[in-house]
Structure formats: structure tokens, C-alpha cells
């Protein structure tokens, strides 16, 4: 699996899409391969999540 991109990729993403990606990231264990496939699909279209850091939310939606 490819590594995630930097926050620069997320700067052009709507807050609603960031909410969806955040939910997918949080529920990867429960959703299993479905979440991985959806994240890969977003990645193929240029949208990727930054790497998770312990104690921080995986994606920080911008207000707008």
C-alpha cells in the first residue's frame, strides 16, 4: 500500500470530504477492506490522508 501524501493535498479538499475521510480512517478496523478500497480510490484521484500521529485526529478539517 502506498504511503499517504502531505497536508498540501488536503488543502484543496472540501470540509465535507475531509469529514468522510476522517470517518473512514477512524473506522478502518471495523470496515476492513471496504475502507481501504475507498481510501485507495480517493488516493487514485489525488486525495490522500496524512500519516496518523498518536494523540491527534488523522485529518483536521478546515473551517469554511
PDB file of N, CA and C in Angstrom:
ATOM      1  N   UNK A   1       0.844  -1.183   0.000  1.00  0.00           N
ATOM      2  CA  UNK A   1       0.000   0.000   0.000  1.00  0.00           C
ATOM      3  C   UNK A   1       0.887   1.244   0.000  1.00  0.00           C
ATOM      4  N   UNK A   2       0.485   2.257  -0.751  1.00  0.00           N
ATOM      5  CA  UNK A   2       1.275   3.481  -0.864  1.00  0.00           C
ATOM      6  C   UNK A   2       1.193   4.288   0.420  1.00  0.00           C
ATOM      7  N   UNK A   3       2.215   5.118   0.631  1.00  0.00           N
ATOM      8  CA  UNK A   3       2.193   5.992   1.798  1.00  0.00           C
ATOM      9  C   UNK A   3       1.301   7.194   1.515  1.00  0.00           C
ATOM     10  N   UNK A   4       0.816   7.813   2.572  1.00  0.00           N
ATOM     11  CA  UNK A   4      -0.066   8.959   2.425  1.00  0.00           C
ATOM     12  C   UNK A   4       0.718  10.202   2.052  1.00  0.00           C
ATOM     13  N   UNK A   5       0.048  11.130   1.411  1.00  0.00           N
ATOM     14  CA  UNK A   5       0.684  12.375   0.998  1.00  0.00           C
ATOM     15  C   UNK A   5       0.687  13.376   2.146  1.00  0.00           C
ATOM     16  N   UNK A   6       1.231  14.553   1.865  1.00  0.00           N
ATOM     17  CA  UNK A   6       1.317  15.602   2.877  1.00  0.00           C
ATOM     18  C   UNK A   6       0.027  16.396   2.953  1.00  0.00           C
ATOM     19  N   UNK A   7      -0.025  17.340   3.885  1.00  0.00           N
ATOM     20  CA  UNK A   7      -1.201  18.185   4.066  1.00  0.00           C
ATOM     21  C   UNK A   7      -1.494  19.042   2.844  1.00  0.00           C
ATOM     22  N   UNK A   8      -0.502  19.265   1.970  1.00  0.00           N
ATOM     23  CA  UNK A   8      -0.732  20.080   0.781  1.00  0.00           C
ATOM     24  C   UNK A   8      -1.864  19.514  -0.061  1.00  0.00           C
ATOM     25  N   UNK A   9      -1.961  18.197  -0.157  1.00  0.00           N
ATOM     26  CA  UNK A   9      -3.023  17.566  -0.929  1.00  0.00           C
ATOM     27  C   UNK A   9      -4.378  17.878  -0.316  1.00  0.00           C
ATOM     28  N   UNK A  10      -4.449  17.985   0.993  1.00  0.00           N
ATOM     29  CA  UNK A  10      -5.715  18.208   1.680  1.00  0.00           C
ATOM     30  C   UNK A  10      -6.185  19.651   1.614  1.00  0.00           C
ATOM     31  N   UNK A  11      -5.318  20.581   1.250  1.00  0.00           N
ATOM     32  CA  UNK A  11      -5.695  21.989   1.279  1.00  0.00           C
ATOM     33  C   UNK A  11      -6.784  22.330   0.272  1.00  0.00           C
ATOM     34  N   UNK A  12      -6.926  21.549  -0.792  1.00  0.00           N
ATOM     35  CA  UNK A  12      -7.936  21.824  -1.807  1.00  0.00           C
ATOM     36  C   UNK A  12      -9.168  20.945  -1.662  1.00  0.00           C
ATOM     37  N   UNK A  13      -9.307  20.253  -0.549  1.00  0.00           N
ATOM     38  CA  UNK A  13     -10.404  19.324  -0.335  1.00  0.00           C
ATOM     39  C   UNK A  13     -11.462  19.985   0.538  1.00  0.00           C
ATOM     40  N   UNK A  14     -12.728  19.784   0.180  1.00  0.00           N
ATOM     41  CA  UNK A  14     -13.817  20.399   0.939  1.00  0.00           C
ATOM     42  C   UNK A  14     -13.892  19.813   2.350  1.00  0.00           C
ATOM     43  N   UNK A  15     -14.418  20.590   3.289  1.00  0.00           N
ATOM     44  CA  UNK A  15     -14.563  20.094   4.664  1.00  0.00           C
ATOM     45  C   UNK A  15     -15.448  18.851   4.734  1.00  0.00           C
ATOM     46  N   UNK A  16     -16.451  18.754   3.858  1.00  0.00           N
ATOM     47  CA  UNK A  16     -17.336  17.588   3.862  1.00  0.00           C
ATOM     48  C   UNK A  16     -16.577  16.323   3.468  1.00  0.00           C
ATOM     49  N   UNK A  17     -15.717  16.427   2.461  1.00  0.00           N
ATOM     50  CA  UNK A  17     -14.909  15.283   2.056  1.00  0.00           C
ATOM     51  C   UNK A  17     -13.914  14.913   3.151  1.00  0.00           C
ATOM     52  N   UNK A  18     -13.367  15.906   3.819  1.00  0.00           N
ATOM     53  CA  UNK A  18     -12.455  15.621   4.933  1.00  0.00           C
ATOM     54  C   UNK A  18     -13.175  14.877   6.051  1.00  0.00           C
ATOM     55  N   UNK A  19     -14.439  15.234   6.300  1.00  0.00           N
ATOM     56  CA  UNK A  19     -15.226  14.520   7.308  1.00  0.00           C
ATOM     57  C   UNK A  19     -15.395  13.053   6.920  1.00  0.00           C
ATOM     58  N   UNK A  20     -15.667  12.802   5.632  1.00  0.00           N
ATOM     59  CA  UNK A  20     -15.821  11.431   5.150  1.00  0.00           C
ATOM     60  C   UNK A  20     -14.517  10.659   5.310  1.00  0.00           C
ATOM     61  N   UNK A  21     -13.419  11.281   4.892  1.00  0.00           N
ATOM     62  CA  UNK A  21     -12.116  10.622   5.000  1.00  0.00           C
ATOM     63  C   UNK A  21     -11.735  10.363   6.448  1.00  0.00           C
ATOM     64  N   UNK A  22     -12.061  11.300   7.330  1.00  0.00           N
ATOM     65  CA  UNK A  22     -11.781  11.121   8.749  1.00  0.00           C
ATOM     66  C   UNK A  22     -12.551   9.925   9.292  1.00  0.00           C
ATOM     67  N   UNK A  23     -13.832   9.832   8.923  1.00  0.00           N
ATOM     68  CA  UNK A  23     -14.646   8.692   9.358  1.00  0.00           C
ATOM     69  C   UNK A  23     -14.105   7.373   8.851  1.00  0.00           C
ATOM     70  N   UNK A  24     -13.688   7.352   7.591  1.00  0.00           N
ATOM     71  CA  UNK A  24     -13.100   6.126   7.034  1.00  0.00           C
ATOM     72  C   UNK A  24     -11.848   5.726   7.797  1.00  0.00           C
ATOM     73  N   UNK A  25     -11.009   6.717   8.073  1.00  0.00           N
ATOM     74  CA  UNK A  25      -9.759   6.444   8.789  1.00  0.00           C
ATOM     75  C   UNK A  25     -10.054   5.889  10.185  1.00  0.00           C
ATOM     76  N   UNK A  26     -11.020   6.488  10.877  1.00  0.00           N
ATOM     77  CA  UNK A  26     -11.349   6.059  12.238  1.00  0.00           C
ATOM     78  C   UNK A  26     -11.955   4.659  12.266  1.00  0.00           C
ATOM     79  N   UNK A  27     -12.705   4.300  11.225  1.00  0.00           N
ATOM     80  CA  UNK A  27     -13.423   3.028  11.227  1.00  0.00           C
ATOM     81  C   UNK A  27     -12.782   1.970  10.336  1.00  0.00           C
ATOM     82  N   UNK A  28     -11.518   2.160   9.987  1.00  0.00           N
ATOM     83  CA  UNK A  28     -10.833   1.192   9.120  1.00  0.00           C
ATOM     84  C   UNK A  28     -10.891  -0.223   9.681  1.00  0.00           C
ATOM     85  N   UNK A  29     -10.690  -0.352  10.975  1.00  0.00           N
ATOM     86  CA  UNK A  29     -10.677  -1.689  11.570  1.00  0.00           C
ATOM     87  C   UNK A  29     -12.047  -2.354  11.444  1.00  0.00           C
ATOM     88  N   UNK A  30     -13.119  -1.589  11.702  1.00  0.00           N
ATOM     89  CA  UNK A  30     -14.465  -2.148  11.620  1.00  0.00           C
ATOM     90  C   UNK A  30     -14.890  -2.414  10.176  1.00  0.00           C
ATOM     91  N   UNK A  31     -14.524  -1.515   9.266  1.00  0.00           N
ATOM     92  CA  UNK A  31     -14.949  -1.640   7.872  1.00  0.00           C
ATOM     93  C   UNK A  31     -14.039  -2.548   7.052  1.00  0.00           C
ATOM     94  N   UNK A  32     -12.837  -2.765   7.535  1.00  0.00           N
ATOM     95  CA  UNK A  32     -11.911  -3.667   6.859  1.00  0.00           C
ATOM     96  C   UNK A  32     -11.550  -3.213   5.461  1.00  0.00           C
ATOM     97  N   UNK A  33     -11.627  -4.141   4.524  1.00  0.00           N
ATOM     98  CA  UNK A  33     -11.167  -3.874   3.161  1.00  0.00           C
ATOM     99  C   UNK A  33     -12.012  -2.824   2.448  1.00  0.00           C
ATOM    100  N   UNK A  34     -13.257  -2.638   2.877  1.00  0.00           N
ATOM    101  CA  UNK A  34     -14.105  -1.615   2.250  1.00  0.00           C
ATOM    102  C   UNK A  34     -13.486  -0.233   2.453  1.00  0.00           C
ATOM    103  N   UNK A  35     -13.070   0.069   3.671  1.00  0.00           N
ATOM    104  CA  UNK A  35     -12.442   1.363   3.950  1.00  0.00           C
ATOM    105  C   UNK A  35     -11.145   1.505   3.170  1.00  0.00           C
ATOM    106  N   UNK A  36     -10.344   0.450   3.137  1.00  0.00           N
ATOM    107  CA  UNK A  36      -9.081   0.504   2.400  1.00  0.00           C
ATOM    108  C   UNK A  36      -9.310   0.766   0.916  1.00  0.00           C
ATOM    109  N   UNK A  37     -10.317   0.115   0.340  1.00  0.00           N
ATOM    110  CA  UNK A  37     -10.612   0.315  -1.079  1.00  0.00           C
ATOM    111  C   UNK A  37     -11.090   1.737  -1.354  1.00  0.00           C
ATOM    112  N   UNK A  38     -11.924   2.280  -0.475  1.00  0.00           N
ATOM    113  CA  UNK A  38     -12.391   3.656  -0.658  1.00  0.00           C
ATOM    114  C   UNK A  38     -11.245   4.651  -0.519  1.00  0.00           C
ATOM    115  N   UNK A  39     -10.391   4.450   0.463  1.00  0.00           N
ATOM    116  CA  UNK A  39      -9.238   5.333   0.644  1.00  0.00           C
ATOM    117  C   UNK A  39      -8.325   5.249  -0.568  1.00  0.00           C
ATOM    118  N   UNK A  40      -8.111   4.039  -1.087  1.00  0.00           N
ATOM    119  CA  UNK A  40      -7.292   3.873  -2.298  1.00  0.00           C
ATOM    120  C   UNK A  40      -7.921   4.573  -3.493  1.00  0.00           C
ATOM    121  N   UNK A  41      -9.246   4.513  -3.595  1.00  0.00           N
ATOM    122  CA  UNK A  41      -9.943   5.190  -4.691  1.00  0.00           C
ATOM    123  C   UNK A  41      -9.736   6.701  -4.611  1.00  0.00           C
ATOM    124  N   UNK A  42      -9.867   7.264  -3.415  1.00  0.00           N
ATOM    125  CA  UNK A  42      -9.600   8.694  -3.240  1.00  0.00           C
ATOM    126  C   UNK A  42      -8.150   9.009  -3.598  1.00  0.00           C
ATOM    127  N   UNK A  43      -7.232   8.152  -3.152  1.00  0.00           N
ATOM    128  CA  UNK A  43      -5.806   8.355  -3.420  1.00  0.00           C
ATOM    129  C   UNK A  43      -5.532   8.368  -4.930  1.00  0.00           C
ATOM    130  N   UNK A  44      -6.178   7.474  -5.672  1.00  0.00           N
ATOM    131  CA  UNK A  44      -6.004   7.419  -7.131  1.00  0.00           C
ATOM    132  C   UNK A  44      -6.433   8.718  -7.802  1.00  0.00           C
ATOM    133  N   UNK A  45      -7.340   9.446  -7.147  1.00  0.00           N
ATOM    134  CA  UNK A  45      -7.825  10.716  -7.692  1.00  0.00           C
ATOM    135  C   UNK A  45      -7.141  11.920  -7.055  1.00  0.00           C
ATOM    136  N   UNK A  46      -6.018  11.672  -6.383  1.00  0.00           N
ATOM    137  CA  UNK A  46      -5.212  12.768  -5.853  1.00  0.00           C
ATOM    138  C   UNK A  46      -5.541  13.224  -4.453  1.00  0.00           C
ATOM    139  N   UNK A  47      -6.420  12.508  -3.747  1.00  0.00           N
ATOM    140  CA  UNK A  47      -6.766  12.883  -2.378  1.00  0.00           C
ATOM    141  C   UNK A  47      -6.262  11.789  -1.455  1.00  0.00           C
ATOM    142  N   UNK A  48      -5.361  12.142  -0.551  1.00  0.00           N
ATOM    143  CA  UNK A  48      -4.819  11.155   0.380  1.00  0.00           C
ATOM    144  C   UNK A  48      -4.736  11.752   1.776  1.00  0.00           C
ATOM    145  N   UNK A  49      -4.801  10.881   2.746  1.00  0.00           N
ATOM    146  CA  UNK A  49      -4.718  11.315   4.135  1.00  0.00           C
ATOM    147  C   UNK A  49      -3.269  11.410   4.578  1.00  0.00           C
ATOM    148  N   UNK A  50      -2.967  12.346   5.474  1.00  0.00           N
ATOM    149  CA  UNK A  50      -1.618  12.399   6.039  1.00  0.00           C
ATOM    150  C   UNK A  50      -1.434  11.227   6.994  1.00  0.00           C
ATOM    151  N   UNK A  51      -0.203  10.878   7.319  1.00  0.00           N
ATOM    152  CA  UNK A  51       0.007   9.785   8.275  1.00  0.00           C
ATOM    153  C   UNK A  51      -0.573  10.148   9.635  1.00  0.00           C
ATOM    154  N   UNK A  52      -1.100   9.147  10.323  1.00  0.00           N
ATOM    155  CA  UNK A  52      -1.653   9.382  11.656  1.00  0.00           C
ATOM    156  C   UNK A  52      -0.525   9.597  12.653  1.00  0.00           C
ATOM    157  N   UNK A  53      -0.752  10.515  13.577  1.00  0.00           N
ATOM    158  CA  UNK A  53       0.182  10.696  14.681  1.00  0.00           C
ATOM    159  C   UNK A  53      -0.576  10.423  15.963  1.00  0.00           C
ATOM    160  N   UNK A  54       0.061   9.767  16.873  1.00  0.00           N
ATOM    161  CA  UNK A  54      -0.596   9.363  18.105  1.00  0.00           C
ATOM    162  C   UNK A  54      -1.118  10.574  18.869  1.00  0.00           C
ATOM    163  N   UNK A  55      -2.390  10.488  19.287  1.00  0.00           N
ATOM    164  CA  UNK A  55      -2.990  11.548  20.074  1.00  0.00           C
ATOM    165  C   UNK A  55      -3.608  12.677  19.272  1.00  0.00           C
ATOM    166  N   UNK A  56      -3.475  12.650  17.951  1.00  0.00           N
ATOM    167  CA  UNK A  56      -4.067  13.688  17.113  1.00  0.00           C
ATOM    168  C   UNK A  56      -5.078  13.062  16.173  1.00  0.00           C
ATOM    169  N   UNK A  57      -6.121  13.811  15.801  1.00  0.00           N
ATOM    170  CA  UNK A  57      -7.054  13.274  14.805  1.00  0.00           C
ATOM    171  C   UNK A  57      -6.328  13.075  13.481  1.00  0.00           C
ATOM    172  N   UNK A  58      -6.689  12.039  12.697  1.00  0.00           N
ATOM    173  CA  UNK A  58      -5.982  11.760  11.463  1.00  0.00           C
ATOM    174  C   UNK A  58      -6.120  12.855  10.419  1.00  0.00           C
ATOM    175  N   UNK A  59      -7.235  13.538  10.381  1.00  0.00           N
ATOM    176  CA  UNK A  59      -7.454  14.619   9.423  1.00  0.00           C
ATOM    177  C   UNK A  59      -8.057  15.784  10.170  1.00  0.00           C
ATOM    178  N   UNK A  60      -7.558  16.974   9.910  1.00  0.00           N
ATOM    179  CA  UNK A  60      -8.078  18.173  10.563  1.00  0.00           C
ATOM    180  C   UNK A  60      -8.846  18.987   9.528  1.00  0.00           C
ATOM    181  N   UNK A  61     -10.185  18.877   9.492  1.00  0.00           N
ATOM    182  CA  UNK A  61     -10.956  19.649   8.510  1.00  0.00           C
ATOM    183  C   UNK A  61     -10.784  21.145   8.726  1.00  0.00           C
ATOM    184  N   UNK A  62     -10.689  21.875   7.630  1.00  0.00           N
ATOM    185  CA  UNK A  62     -10.605  23.326   7.732  1.00  0.00           C
ATOM    186  C   UNK A  62     -12.009  23.883   7.847  1.00  0.00           C
ATOM    187  N   UNK A  63     -12.151  25.004   8.499  1.00  0.00           N
ATOM    188  CA  UNK A  63     -13.468  25.617   8.604  1.00  0.00           C
ATOM    189  C   UNK A  63     -13.731  26.416   7.345  1.00  0.00           C
ATOM    190  N   UNK A  64     -14.963  26.362   6.879  1.00  0.00           N
ATOM    191  CA  UNK A  64     -15.229  27.109   5.663  1.00  0.00           C
ATOM    192  C   UNK A  64     -16.591  27.002   5.159  1.00  0.00           C
TER     193      UNK A  64
END
